[in-house]
Protein backbone atom coordinates (compact mmCIF):
# COMPACT_ATOMS: atom_id res chain seq x y z
CA MET A 1 1.88 2.63 4.27
CA ILE A 2 3.75 5.33 6.23
CA SER A 3 6.51 4.31 8.66
CA ARG A 4 6.87 5.84 12.11
CA ALA A 5 9.98 7.79 11.09
CA GLY A 6 8.31 8.96 7.91
CA CYS A 7 5.22 10.07 9.89
CA SER A 8 7.34 12.13 12.28
CA SER A 9 9.36 13.75 9.50
CA LEU A 10 6.28 14.53 7.45
CA PHE A 11 4.51 15.94 10.49
CA MET A 12 7.47 18.25 11.26
CA ARG A 13 7.61 19.51 7.68
CA ARG A 14 3.91 20.21 7.57
CA ARG A 15 3.99 21.87 10.95
CA ASP A 16 6.80 24.22 9.82
CA ALA A 17 4.96 25.02 6.61
CA ALA A 18 1.78 25.67 8.57
CA TYR A 19 3.60 27.96 10.93
CA ARG A 20 4.93 29.94 7.96
CA ARG A 21 1.51 30.13 6.30
CA GLY A 22 -0.17 31.14 9.50
CA ALA A 23 2.46 33.66 10.63
CA GLU A 24 2.77 35.76 7.48
CA PRO A 25 -0.79 37.06 7.30
CA ARG A 26 -0.84 37.75 11.00
CA GLN A 27 2.30 39.83 10.75
CA LYS A 28 0.45 42.05 8.30
CA GLU A 29 -2.81 42.14 10.26
CA ARG A 30 -1.78 42.15 13.90
CA GLY A 31 1.81 43.14 14.05
CA ALA A 32 2.83 42.31 17.59
CA ASP A 33 0.40 39.35 17.75
CA MET A 34 2.03 37.57 14.84
CA GLY A 35 2.10 33.81 15.27
CA ALA A 36 -1.05 33.72 17.48
CA TYR A 37 -3.68 31.27 16.18
CA SER A 38 -7.39 31.04 16.71
CA VAL A 39 -8.72 27.76 18.05
CA THR A 40 -10.13 26.90 14.64
CA GLU A 41 -6.86 27.67 12.90
CA ILE A 42 -4.73 25.56 15.19
CA THR A 43 -7.28 22.77 15.08
CA ASP A 44 -7.28 22.87 11.29
CA LEU A 45 -3.50 22.68 11.29
CA ILE A 46 -3.53 19.73 13.66
CA LYS A 47 -6.24 18.06 11.57
CA GLU A 48 -4.25 18.57 8.37
CA SER A 49 -1.03 17.32 9.95
CA LEU A 50 -2.51 14.26 11.67
CA GLU A 51 -4.85 13.16 8.92
CA GLY A 52 -2.18 13.71 6.27
CA SER A 53 0.56 11.95 8.24
CA PHE A 54 -1.51 9.03 9.54
CA SER A 55 -3.94 8.36 6.71
CA ALA A 56 -3.10 4.63 6.50
CA ILE A 57 -1.90 2.99 9.69
CA ILE A 58 -2.15 -0.34 11.49
CA VAL A 59 -2.68 -0.29 15.24
CA GLU A 60 -2.93 -3.25 17.59
CA GLY A 61 -4.41 -3.10 21.07
CA GLU A 62 -7.18 -4.16 23.43
CA ILE A 63 -10.82 -3.08 23.11
CA SER A 64 -12.28 -1.13 25.99
CA ASN A 65 -15.56 0.72 26.51
CA CYS A 66 -17.06 -0.86 23.39
CA ARG A 67 -20.41 0.78 22.65
CA PRO A 68 -22.39 0.24 19.41
CA SER A 69 -24.52 3.30 18.64
CA SER A 70 -28.19 3.38 17.66
CA ALA A 71 -27.11 4.55 14.20
CA GLY A 72 -25.16 1.32 13.66
CA HIS A 73 -21.64 2.67 14.22
CA LEU A 74 -19.18 1.09 16.65
CA TYR A 75 -17.36 3.35 19.09
CA PHE A 76 -14.64 1.97 21.35
CA THR A 77 -11.29 2.68 22.95
CA LEU A 78 -8.13 0.94 21.82
CA LYS A 79 -5.60 0.64 24.64
CA ASP A 80 -2.44 -1.01 25.86
CA ALA A 81 -0.77 -1.00 29.26
CA ALA A 82 0.21 2.70 29.11
CA SER A 83 -2.04 4.53 26.64
CA CYS A 84 -5.39 4.58 24.92
CA ILE A 85 -6.92 6.11 21.82
CA SER A 86 -10.53 6.54 20.70
CA ALA A 87 -11.66 4.60 17.67
CA VAL A 88 -14.74 4.28 15.49
CA MET A 89 -15.86 1.89 12.79
CA PHE A 90 -18.78 3.15 10.73
CA LYS A 91 -21.71 0.88 10.04
CA ASN A 92 -20.88 0.16 6.41
CA ARG A 93 -17.60 -1.43 7.61
CA PHE A 94 -18.95 -2.72 10.91
CA ARG A 95 -21.62 -4.83 9.23
CA SER A 96 -19.02 -6.79 7.26
CA LEU A 97 -17.17 -8.04 10.37
CA SER A 98 -17.20 -11.80 10.89
CA PHE A 99 -17.08 -11.48 14.69
CA GLU A 100 -18.60 -9.30 17.39
CA PRO A 101 -16.10 -6.92 19.05
CA LYS A 102 -16.25 -6.96 22.85
CA ASP A 103 -14.39 -5.38 25.76
CA GLY A 104 -11.13 -7.14 26.52
CA MET A 105 -10.68 -8.49 22.99
CA ARG A 106 -7.30 -7.93 21.37
CA ILE A 107 -7.55 -6.69 17.78
CA ARG A 108 -5.56 -5.18 14.90
CA VAL A 109 -7.19 -2.35 12.95
CA HIS A 110 -6.40 -0.73 9.62
CA GLY A 111 -7.45 2.87 9.17
CA GLY A 112 -6.46 6.49 9.54
CA ILE A 113 -6.42 9.28 12.11
CA SER A 114 -9.36 11.68 12.04
CA VAL A 115 -9.67 14.94 14.01
CA TYR A 116 -13.11 16.05 15.20
CA ASN A 117 -12.93 19.86 15.18
CA GLN A 118 -15.94 20.56 17.39
CA ARG A 119 -14.46 18.61 20.30
CA GLY A 120 -10.81 19.07 19.51
CA SER A 121 -10.32 15.31 19.76
CA TYR A 122 -8.86 12.71 17.46
CA GLN A 123 -9.64 9.09 16.82
CA ILE A 124 -8.85 6.20 14.54
CA VAL A 125 -11.41 5.62 11.79
CA CYS A 126 -11.19 1.86 11.23
CA ASP A 127 -11.66 0.40 7.79
CA GLU A 128 -10.67 -3.17 8.70
CA MET A 129 -10.50 -5.11 11.93
CA GLU A 130 -9.13 -8.55 12.76
CA ARG A 131 -9.08 -10.41 16.02
CA THR A 132 -5.67 -11.35 17.41
CA GLY A 133 -6.63 -12.86 20.77
CA GLU A 134 -7.80 -11.94 24.23
CA GLY A 135 -6.59 -8.82 25.97
CA GLU A 136 -4.68 -8.92 29.22
CA MET A 137 -7.60 -7.64 31.26
CA LEU A 138 -10.08 -10.16 29.88
CA ALA A 139 -7.56 -12.99 30.21
CA LEU A 140 -7.02 -12.05 33.86
CA LEU A 141 -10.77 -11.99 34.51
CA GLU A 142 -11.23 -15.38 32.87
CA LYS A 143 -8.42 -16.82 34.98
CA ARG A 144 -9.99 -15.46 38.16
CA LYS A 145 -13.41 -16.68 37.09
CA ARG A 146 -12.15 -20.24 36.62
CA ALA A 147 -10.35 -20.17 39.96
CA PHE A 148 -13.39 -18.84 41.87
CA ALA A 149 -15.70 -21.31 40.13
CA ALA A 150 -13.40 -24.22 41.03
CA GLU A 151 -13.44 -23.00 44.62
CA GLY A 152 -17.24 -23.10 44.61
CA LEU A 153 -17.86 -19.37 45.11
CA PHE A 154 -20.32 -19.35 42.20
CA ASP A 155 -22.27 -22.50 43.16
CA GLU A 156 -26.05 -22.19 43.07
CA ASP A 157 -26.51 -23.90 46.44
CA ARG A 158 -24.68 -20.98 48.08
CA LYS A 159 -27.20 -18.43 46.83
CA THR A 160 -30.00 -17.03 49.00
CA PRO A 161 -33.46 -16.03 47.68
CA ILE A 162 -34.10 -12.29 47.54
CA PRO A 163 -36.86 -11.19 49.97
CA ARG A 164 -39.93 -9.91 48.12
CA PHE A 165 -40.84 -7.23 50.66
CA PRO A 166 -37.62 -6.07 52.39
CA GLN A 167 -37.88 -3.50 55.16
CA THR A 168 -34.43 -2.02 54.49
CA VAL A 169 -32.39 -1.98 51.28
CA GLY A 170 -28.64 -1.35 51.46
CA VAL A 171 -26.82 0.24 48.50
CA ALA A 172 -23.03 -0.07 48.27
CA SER A 173 -22.08 2.46 45.61
CA SER A 174 -20.85 5.98 45.06
CA PRO A 175 -23.24 8.37 46.86
CA THR A 176 -22.82 10.96 44.09
CA GLY A 177 -23.24 8.57 41.16
CA ALA A 178 -26.24 8.26 38.89
CA ALA A 179 -26.76 4.66 40.03
CA VAL A 180 -27.72 5.70 43.57
CA ARG A 181 -30.07 8.40 42.27
CA ASP A 182 -31.79 5.92 39.99
CA ILE A 183 -32.18 3.39 42.79
CA LEU A 184 -33.61 5.99 45.20
CA ASN A 185 -36.08 7.27 42.58
CA ILE A 186 -37.37 3.81 41.78
CA LEU A 187 -37.68 2.76 45.43
CA ARG A 188 -39.49 6.00 46.23
CA ARG A 189 -41.95 5.37 43.41
CA ARG A 190 -42.49 1.63 43.85
CA ALA A 191 -42.07 1.12 47.59
CA ALA A 192 -42.23 4.38 49.49
CA GLY A 193 -42.16 2.66 52.89
CA VAL A 194 -38.82 0.92 52.35
CA ASN A 195 -35.80 2.28 54.22
CA VAL A 196 -32.62 2.83 52.21
CA VAL A 197 -29.13 2.75 53.69
CA VAL A 198 -26.40 4.06 51.39
CA LEU A 199 -22.98 2.58 52.09
CA PRO A 200 -20.64 5.08 50.38
CA CYS A 201 -17.66 3.74 48.49
CA PRO A 202 -15.68 4.57 45.34
CA VAL A 203 -16.66 2.48 42.36
CA GLN A 204 -13.50 2.75 40.26
CA GLY A 205 -9.80 3.07 40.83
CA SER A 206 -7.27 1.06 42.79
CA ASP A 207 -8.78 1.93 46.19
CA ALA A 208 -12.33 0.97 45.28
CA ALA A 209 -12.24 -2.83 45.74
CA PRO A 210 -11.11 -2.97 49.41
CA ILE A 211 -13.61 -0.26 50.39
CA ILE A 212 -16.48 -2.00 48.59
CA ALA A 213 -15.58 -5.26 50.34
CA ARG A 214 -15.42 -3.48 53.71
CA ARG A 215 -18.87 -1.94 53.18
CA ILE A 216 -20.34 -5.37 52.47
CA GLU A 217 -18.71 -6.76 55.61
CA GLN A 218 -19.98 -3.81 57.69
CA ALA A 219 -23.52 -4.28 56.40
CA ASN A 220 -23.39 -7.92 57.52
CA HIS A 221 -21.74 -7.17 60.87
CA TRP A 222 -24.30 -4.54 61.86
CA LYS A 223 -27.21 -6.19 60.01
CA LEU A 224 -27.93 -2.92 58.24
CA ALA A 225 -30.25 -4.27 55.51
CA ASP A 226 -32.48 -7.13 54.43
CA VAL A 227 -31.02 -7.05 50.93
CA LEU A 228 -27.90 -5.39 49.56
CA ILE A 229 -27.40 -3.83 46.11
CA VAL A 230 -23.75 -3.63 45.03
CA GLY A 231 -22.95 -1.88 41.80
CA ARG A 232 -22.48 1.21 39.68
CA GLY A 233 -23.41 2.65 36.29
CA GLY A 234 -21.81 1.73 33.01
CA GLY A 235 -18.18 2.16 32.08
CA SER A 236 -15.25 0.52 30.43
CA LEU A 237 -13.85 -2.84 31.44
CA GLU A 238 -11.23 -1.03 33.51
CA ASP A 239 -13.88 1.11 35.23
CA LEU A 240 -15.79 -2.01 36.26
CA ALA A 241 -12.64 -3.88 37.34
CA PRO A 242 -13.06 -3.28 41.13
CA PHE A 243 -16.19 -5.47 41.09
CA SER A 244 -14.09 -8.35 39.76
CA GLU A 245 -11.39 -8.06 42.45
CA GLU A 246 -10.93 -11.02 44.78
CA ALA A 247 -11.81 -9.02 47.91
CA VAL A 248 -15.19 -7.96 46.52
CA VAL A 249 -16.05 -11.40 45.12
CA ARG A 250 -15.24 -13.13 48.42
CA ALA A 251 -17.13 -10.53 50.45
CA ILE A 252 -20.24 -11.05 48.31
CA ALA A 253 -19.96 -14.84 48.46
CA ALA A 254 -19.59 -14.73 52.26
CA SER A 255 -22.46 -12.26 52.80
CA ALA A 256 -25.33 -13.52 54.93
CA ILE A 257 -27.44 -10.69 53.53
CA PRO A 258 -28.73 -11.51 50.01
CA VAL A 259 -26.71 -9.51 47.46
CA VAL A 260 -27.88 -8.17 44.10
CA SER A 261 -25.02 -7.34 41.74
CA ALA A 262 -25.88 -4.39 39.46
CA VAL A 263 -22.75 -3.45 37.56
CA GLY A 264 -22.92 -1.33 34.41
CA HIS A 265 -25.42 -1.73 31.61
CA GLU A 266 -27.03 -4.85 30.12
CA ILE A 267 -23.95 -5.85 28.11
CA ASP A 268 -21.48 -5.24 30.96
CA TRP A 269 -20.43 -7.91 33.41
CA ALA A 270 -18.16 -8.41 36.41
CA LEU A 271 -17.24 -11.40 38.57
CA SER A 272 -19.52 -10.02 41.27
CA ASP A 273 -22.44 -11.03 39.02
CA PHE A 274 -21.51 -14.70 39.42
CA ALA A 275 -20.92 -14.55 43.18
CA ALA A 276 -24.07 -12.56 43.98
CA ASP A 277 -27.40 -14.16 44.83
CA LEU A 278 -28.99 -12.33 41.92
CA ARG A 279 -27.63 -10.44 38.93
CA ALA A 280 -29.43 -7.31 37.69
CA PRO A 281 -28.60 -5.85 34.25
CA THR A 282 -28.61 -2.27 35.61
CA PRO A 283 -28.86 -0.53 39.01
CA SER A 284 -32.40 0.56 38.09
CA ALA A 285 -33.35 -3.05 37.39
CA ALA A 286 -31.86 -4.05 40.76
CA ALA A 287 -34.13 -1.53 42.51
CA GLU A 288 -37.13 -2.99 40.71
CA LEU A 289 -36.13 -6.54 41.62
CA VAL A 290 -35.86 -5.83 45.36
CA SER A 291 -39.03 -3.72 45.60
CA ALA A 292 -42.35 -5.19 44.71
CA ASN A 293 -44.72 -2.46 43.63
CA ARG A 294 -47.25 -2.08 46.48
CA GLU A 295 -50.05 -0.90 44.24
CA GLU A 296 -49.40 -3.68 41.74
CA THR A 297 -49.29 -6.20 44.57
CA LEU A 298 -52.61 -4.92 45.96
CA ILE A 299 -54.19 -5.15 42.51
CA ALA A 300 -52.79 -8.66 42.11
CA VAL A 301 -54.20 -9.69 45.52
CA ARG A 302 -57.63 -8.29 44.66
CA SER A 303 -57.55 -9.96 41.28
CA THR A 304 -56.57 -13.26 42.89
CA ALA A 305 -59.35 -12.93 45.49
CA GLN A 306 -61.92 -12.26 42.77
CA PHE A 307 -60.61 -15.20 40.78
CA LEU A 308 -60.88 -17.48 43.82
CA PHE A 309 -64.41 -16.26 44.55
CA GLU A 310 -65.54 -16.89 40.98
CA THR A 311 -63.83 -20.27 40.92
CA ILE A 312 -65.44 -21.40 44.19
CA LYS A 313 -68.83 -20.10 43.05
CA THR A 314 -68.55 -21.96 39.75
CA ARG A 315 -67.53 -25.18 41.48
CA LEU A 316 -70.40 -24.94 43.99
CA GLU A 317 -72.90 -24.46 41.16
CA ARG A 318 -71.42 -27.41 39.35
CA ALA A 319 -71.60 -29.48 42.55
CA ARG A 320 -75.31 -28.56 42.98
CA PHE A 321 -75.97 -29.50 39.37
CA LEU A 322 -74.20 -32.83 39.85
CA VAL A 323 -76.04 -33.58 43.15
CA LYS A 324 -79.50 -32.67 41.83
CA PRO A 325 -79.95 -35.96 39.88
CA PHE A 326 -79.52 -37.91 43.13
CA SER A 327 -82.93 -36.89 44.64
CA ALA A 328 -85.41 -39.71 45.45
CA GLU A 329 -87.72 -38.97 42.52
CA GLU A 330 -84.83 -38.51 40.10
CA MET A 331 -83.11 -41.66 41.34
CA GLU A 332 -86.38 -43.67 40.89
CA TYR A 333 -86.82 -42.30 37.39
CA ARG A 334 -83.20 -43.03 36.49
CA PHE A 335 -83.46 -46.54 38.03
CA ARG A 336 -86.56 -47.27 36.00
CA ALA A 337 -84.95 -45.85 32.90
CA ILE A 338 -82.07 -48.24 33.41
CA LEU A 339 -84.12 -51.28 34.59
CA GLN A 340 -87.10 -51.17 32.18
CA PRO A 341 -85.17 -51.88 28.98
CA ARG A 342 -83.46 -54.78 30.70
CA LEU A 343 -86.77 -56.25 31.89
CA VAL A 344 -88.18 -56.01 28.38
CA HIS A 345 -85.07 -57.63 27.04
CA PHE A 346 -85.38 -60.39 29.67
CA ASP A 347 -89.03 -61.06 28.74
CA ASP A 348 -88.15 -61.22 25.07
CA ALA A 349 -85.34 -63.63 25.83
CA LYS A 350 -87.70 -65.81 27.88
CA GLU A 351 -90.28 -65.94 25.08
CA GLU A 352 -87.61 -66.77 22.55
CA LEU A 353 -86.31 -69.53 24.83
CA LEU A 354 -89.80 -71.06 25.32
CA ILE A 355 -90.51 -70.95 21.59
CA SER A 356 -87.12 -72.50 20.88
CA PHE A 357 -87.73 -75.31 23.41
CA GLY A 358 -91.21 -75.94 21.95
CA ASN A 359 -89.85 -76.14 18.44
CA ARG A 360 -87.08 -78.51 19.51
CA LEU A 361 -89.57 -80.72 21.38
CA ALA A 362 -91.96 -80.88 18.40
CA ASP A 363 -89.06 -81.77 16.15
CA VAL A 364 -87.93 -84.54 18.50
CA ARG A 365 -91.46 -85.91 18.70
CA LYS A 366 -91.75 -85.91 14.93
CA ARG A 367 -88.49 -87.71 14.53
CA LEU A 368 -89.46 -90.20 17.22
CA GLU A 369 -92.77 -90.94 15.48
CA LEU A 370 -90.99 -91.40 12.18
CA ALA A 371 -88.51 -93.77 13.78
CA LYS A 372 -91.34 -95.69 15.37
CA ARG A 373 -93.10 -96.08 12.06
CA THR A 374 -89.89 -97.13 10.36
CA LEU A 375 -89.24 -99.70 13.09
CA GLU A 376 -92.77 -101.06 12.90
CA ALA A 377 -92.54 -101.32 9.14
CA ALA A 378 -89.41 -103.38 9.50
CA ASN A 379 -90.95 -105.73 12.15
CA PRO A 380 -91.46 -109.27 10.66
CA GLY A 381 -94.39 -109.85 12.99
CA VAL A 382 -96.37 -107.20 11.25
CA VAL A 383 -95.77 -108.97 7.94
CA LEU A 384 -96.72 -112.34 9.40
CA GLU A 385 -100.00 -110.85 10.64
CA LYS A 386 -100.90 -110.30 7.01
CA GLY A 387 -100.68 -114.04 6.30
CA TYR A 388 -97.09 -114.39 5.31
CA SER A 389 -94.82 -117.17 6.74
CA ILE A 390 -91.09 -117.74 7.06
CA VAL A 391 -89.77 -120.95 5.50
CA THR A 392 -86.47 -122.37 6.76
CA ASN A 393 -84.45 -125.32 5.36
CA THR A 394 -83.65 -127.55 8.31
CA GLU A 395 -80.61 -128.96 6.62
CA THR A 396 -78.95 -125.58 5.92
CA GLY A 397 -80.76 -123.48 8.49
CA ARG A 398 -81.24 -120.78 5.87
CA VAL A 399 -84.42 -118.94 5.01
CA VAL A 400 -85.80 -120.16 1.71
CA ARG A 401 -86.23 -117.20 -0.62
CA ALA A 402 -86.53 -119.09 -3.95
CA ALA A 403 -87.64 -122.55 -5.13
CA SER A 404 -84.14 -123.23 -6.26
CA ASP A 405 -82.93 -123.03 -2.64
CA VAL A 406 -84.45 -126.51 -1.95
CA LYS A 407 -84.59 -130.00 -3.59
CA ALA A 408 -86.90 -132.93 -3.33
CA GLY A 409 -86.77 -134.59 0.06
CA ASP A 410 -85.65 -131.48 2.01
CA VAL A 411 -87.40 -130.93 5.30
CA LEU A 412 -88.73 -127.41 5.67
CA VAL A 413 -90.04 -125.56 8.73
CA VAL A 414 -92.88 -123.14 8.00
CA ARG A 415 -93.43 -120.48 10.64
CA PRO A 416 -96.65 -118.56 10.35
CA LEU A 417 -97.64 -115.89 12.88
CA LYS A 418 -98.28 -118.61 15.45
CA GLY A 419 -96.70 -122.05 15.69
CA GLU A 420 -94.55 -124.08 13.23
CA ILE A 421 -95.32 -126.47 10.37
CA LYS A 422 -92.89 -129.12 9.12
CA ALA A 423 -93.09 -130.12 5.52
CA VAL A 424 -91.17 -132.35 3.11
CA VAL A 425 -90.44 -131.14 -0.39
CA LYS A 426 -91.82 -133.47 -3.03
CA GLU A 427 -90.94 -131.47 -6.10
């Protein structure tokens, strides 16, 4: 690691040596022009001095204008309150980071100074990066964001829907910026009949915020537009700072005209995004949001009309199909189809019931006849008709069933079928 004093001393020594190397040949070649360098020569000397003196350094600062490239490299600016320096981390190092660098993040990088000859610029080539906290700018924005949110400036119930077909679109931005050109081109292509009122204002610097706020207030006072686009193209966190100033945020929140905030690119943000009625990722996207494409709308209307026609037609045909079975002939046929099986079932049930009753009646009659015969067989009168008699001992009153039931001298009563006969037992 090279200390600051060592870097300065080494740089001075190399500069003196470079001067000597560069001056001697020129004294031989040019005489009076000795010591004059070409751009390449002086750039090479600077490159050699800077890269040799600052090959391994540690720098701490705040990320600004962080932009990953399509090739996978990360380009950003490292700054503090007074200065800034360009920096790059190539993709082979960038992929190994455990966090995602963002604007306003405070970091510490390890790397070395590299000079890019073609542009005559220098930057830090970062080999390592570690997060050390939030930068001052981001911390300030977060503090403001919490304060405005607590005050209710970001509440959803304050927001107004964006009109789909505005007559006039107001644009509060720099009249010479690319954002205004993009908005005008898109509105001209998508909604040629829409009027555009450009409210000129600076979009960066210390004077930008109060002017932007005043333009928003003027648009509301004079009712200059049906919808208002407030924004600018991309830039660093500092470039976008005016759109996070209190004056701008309050002007947007108080605007009776619906406001679309279109600050920077997709990854950029400002506090105006939270206060606005709608946030667009870019100014071009804001123009598309506030201007419905007339041709697309006409096609959509025709498509919807055709869909409704087909739907109604299909439903009418289905209704006719459903009503057709309710004609007199069809109803009679359907009624018979429903009633006939039930009548047949009823007749079958009746026959089964009659047969069942007949069988039960025959069974009862049979049982009754059998009982009658059994009763008649048990009737003593029937037996007496055959010549049999009942003999009773008058002394005991019992029926005599054996000769041993009586003794000589007993009086017996003999009862034939008719009358009684008294007899005395002799032996």
